Amino acid sequence: MVTTESITIRVPVGMKQYLDDTNVETELIRNALLLYPYIANCTISHGRAAEILGIRKSELIDIYDKLGYSYFDMTMDDLDKDLETFRQLKKESVV
């Protein structure tokens, strides 16, 4: 179990009812979402965020994936280009 501490944050009045009573899973998801902007701007890594939360990196990636935040930011077009480059390099190395 990870050591925790309480902080005060300012939120719109309408949010308070959703933040008062949370279970362990909801709290983990909320905290993961609080860390996500720092992952997105490369301040911390997924691994460091997972460490802060006291979970495995793969668990954190699963949480984000379920929320629609993909670990991989490649589009299918990007992937197709990379695969084509790989095939070209492989073909050239055989010759």
Protein backbone atom coordinates (compact mmCIF):
# COMPACT_ATOMS: atom_id res chain seq x y z
CA MET A 1 0.00 0.00 0.00
CA VAL A 2 1.23 3.45 -0.90
CA THR A 3 1.51 6.19 1.73
CA THR A 4 -1.04 8.94 1.17
CA GLU A 5 -1.70 12.42 2.40
CA SER A 6 -4.61 14.81 2.12
CA ILE A 7 -4.59 18.02 0.12
CA THR A 8 -7.22 20.61 -0.59
CA ILE A 9 -8.16 21.33 -4.18
CA ARG A 10 -10.62 23.82 -5.57
CA VAL A 11 -13.32 22.30 -7.75
CA PRO A 12 -16.63 23.55 -9.12
CA VAL A 13 -19.49 23.14 -6.62
CA GLY A 14 -21.16 20.54 -8.83
CA MET A 15 -18.15 18.22 -8.56
CA LYS A 16 -18.16 17.97 -4.78
CA GLN A 17 -20.90 15.35 -4.64
CA TYR A 18 -18.82 13.02 -6.84
CA LEU A 19 -15.63 13.47 -4.85
CA ASP A 20 -17.00 13.03 -1.31
CA ASP A 21 -17.56 9.30 -1.19
CA THR A 22 -15.16 7.32 -3.31
CA ASN A 23 -14.11 3.70 -3.13
CA VAL A 24 -10.56 2.45 -3.62
CA GLU A 25 -10.98 1.84 -7.37
CA THR A 26 -12.55 5.24 -8.01
CA GLU A 27 -9.81 6.93 -6.00
CA LEU A 28 -7.11 5.14 -8.03
CA ILE A 29 -8.71 6.19 -11.31
CA ARG A 30 -9.10 9.78 -10.10
CA ASN A 31 -5.45 9.92 -9.02
CA ALA A 32 -4.31 8.39 -12.31
CA LEU A 33 -6.26 11.09 -14.15
CA LEU A 34 -4.65 13.77 -12.00
CA LEU A 35 -1.23 12.49 -13.10
CA TYR A 36 -2.07 12.12 -16.79
CA PRO A 37 -1.29 15.73 -17.84
CA TYR A 38 2.24 15.27 -16.46
CA ILE A 39 2.65 12.12 -18.53
CA ALA A 40 1.26 13.85 -21.61
CA ASN A 41 3.72 16.74 -21.31
CA CYS A 42 6.60 14.34 -20.56
CA THR A 43 7.22 15.62 -17.02
CA ILE A 44 6.94 12.03 -15.75
CA SER A 45 6.77 8.64 -17.41
CA HIS A 46 4.04 6.03 -17.18
CA GLY A 47 6.42 4.02 -15.02
CA ARG A 48 6.97 6.88 -12.58
CA ALA A 49 3.23 7.60 -12.39
CA ALA A 50 2.57 3.92 -11.66
CA GLU A 51 5.25 3.98 -8.98
CA ILE A 52 3.62 7.03 -7.36
CA LEU A 53 0.25 5.25 -7.42
CA GLY A 54 1.70 2.01 -6.05
CA ILE A 55 0.71 -0.12 -9.03
CA ARG A 56 2.46 -1.80 -11.96
CA LYS A 57 3.00 0.17 -15.16
CA SER A 58 0.87 -2.33 -17.07
CA GLU A 59 -2.02 -1.72 -14.65
CA LEU A 60 -1.77 2.03 -15.20
CA ILE A 61 -1.69 1.57 -18.97
CA ASP A 62 -4.82 -0.61 -18.67
CA ILE A 63 -6.59 2.10 -16.64
CA TYR A 64 -5.78 4.74 -19.25
CA ASP A 65 -6.73 2.41 -22.08
CA LYS A 66 -10.17 1.78 -20.55
CA LEU A 67 -10.61 5.55 -20.31
CA GLY A 68 -9.65 6.03 -23.97
CA TYR A 69 -6.08 7.25 -23.45
CA SER A 70 -3.93 5.05 -25.63
CA TYR A 71 -0.38 4.20 -24.57
CA PHE A 72 0.63 4.12 -28.20
CA ASP A 73 0.03 7.35 -30.06
CA MET A 74 0.66 6.02 -33.55
CA THR A 75 -2.06 6.13 -36.16
CA MET A 76 -2.56 3.22 -38.54
CA ASP A 77 -0.97 5.33 -41.29
CA ASP A 78 2.13 5.85 -39.11
CA LEU A 79 2.29 2.14 -38.41
CA ASP A 80 1.93 1.30 -42.12
CA LYS A 81 4.78 3.69 -42.97
CA ASP A 82 7.01 2.18 -40.29
CA LEU A 83 6.24 -1.33 -41.49
CA GLU A 84 7.04 -0.37 -45.07
CA THR A 85 10.33 1.18 -43.95
CA PHE A 86 11.14 -1.99 -42.00
CA ARG A 87 10.38 -4.16 -45.04
CA GLN A 88 12.58 -1.98 -47.26
CA LEU A 89 15.48 -2.12 -44.79
CA LYS A 90 15.09 -5.87 -44.42
CA LYS A 91 15.03 -6.32 -48.20
CA GLU A 92 18.17 -4.16 -48.59
CA SER A 93 20.06 -6.08 -45.88
CA VAL A 94 19.36 -9.41 -47.60
CA VAL A 95 20.87 -8.21 -50.89
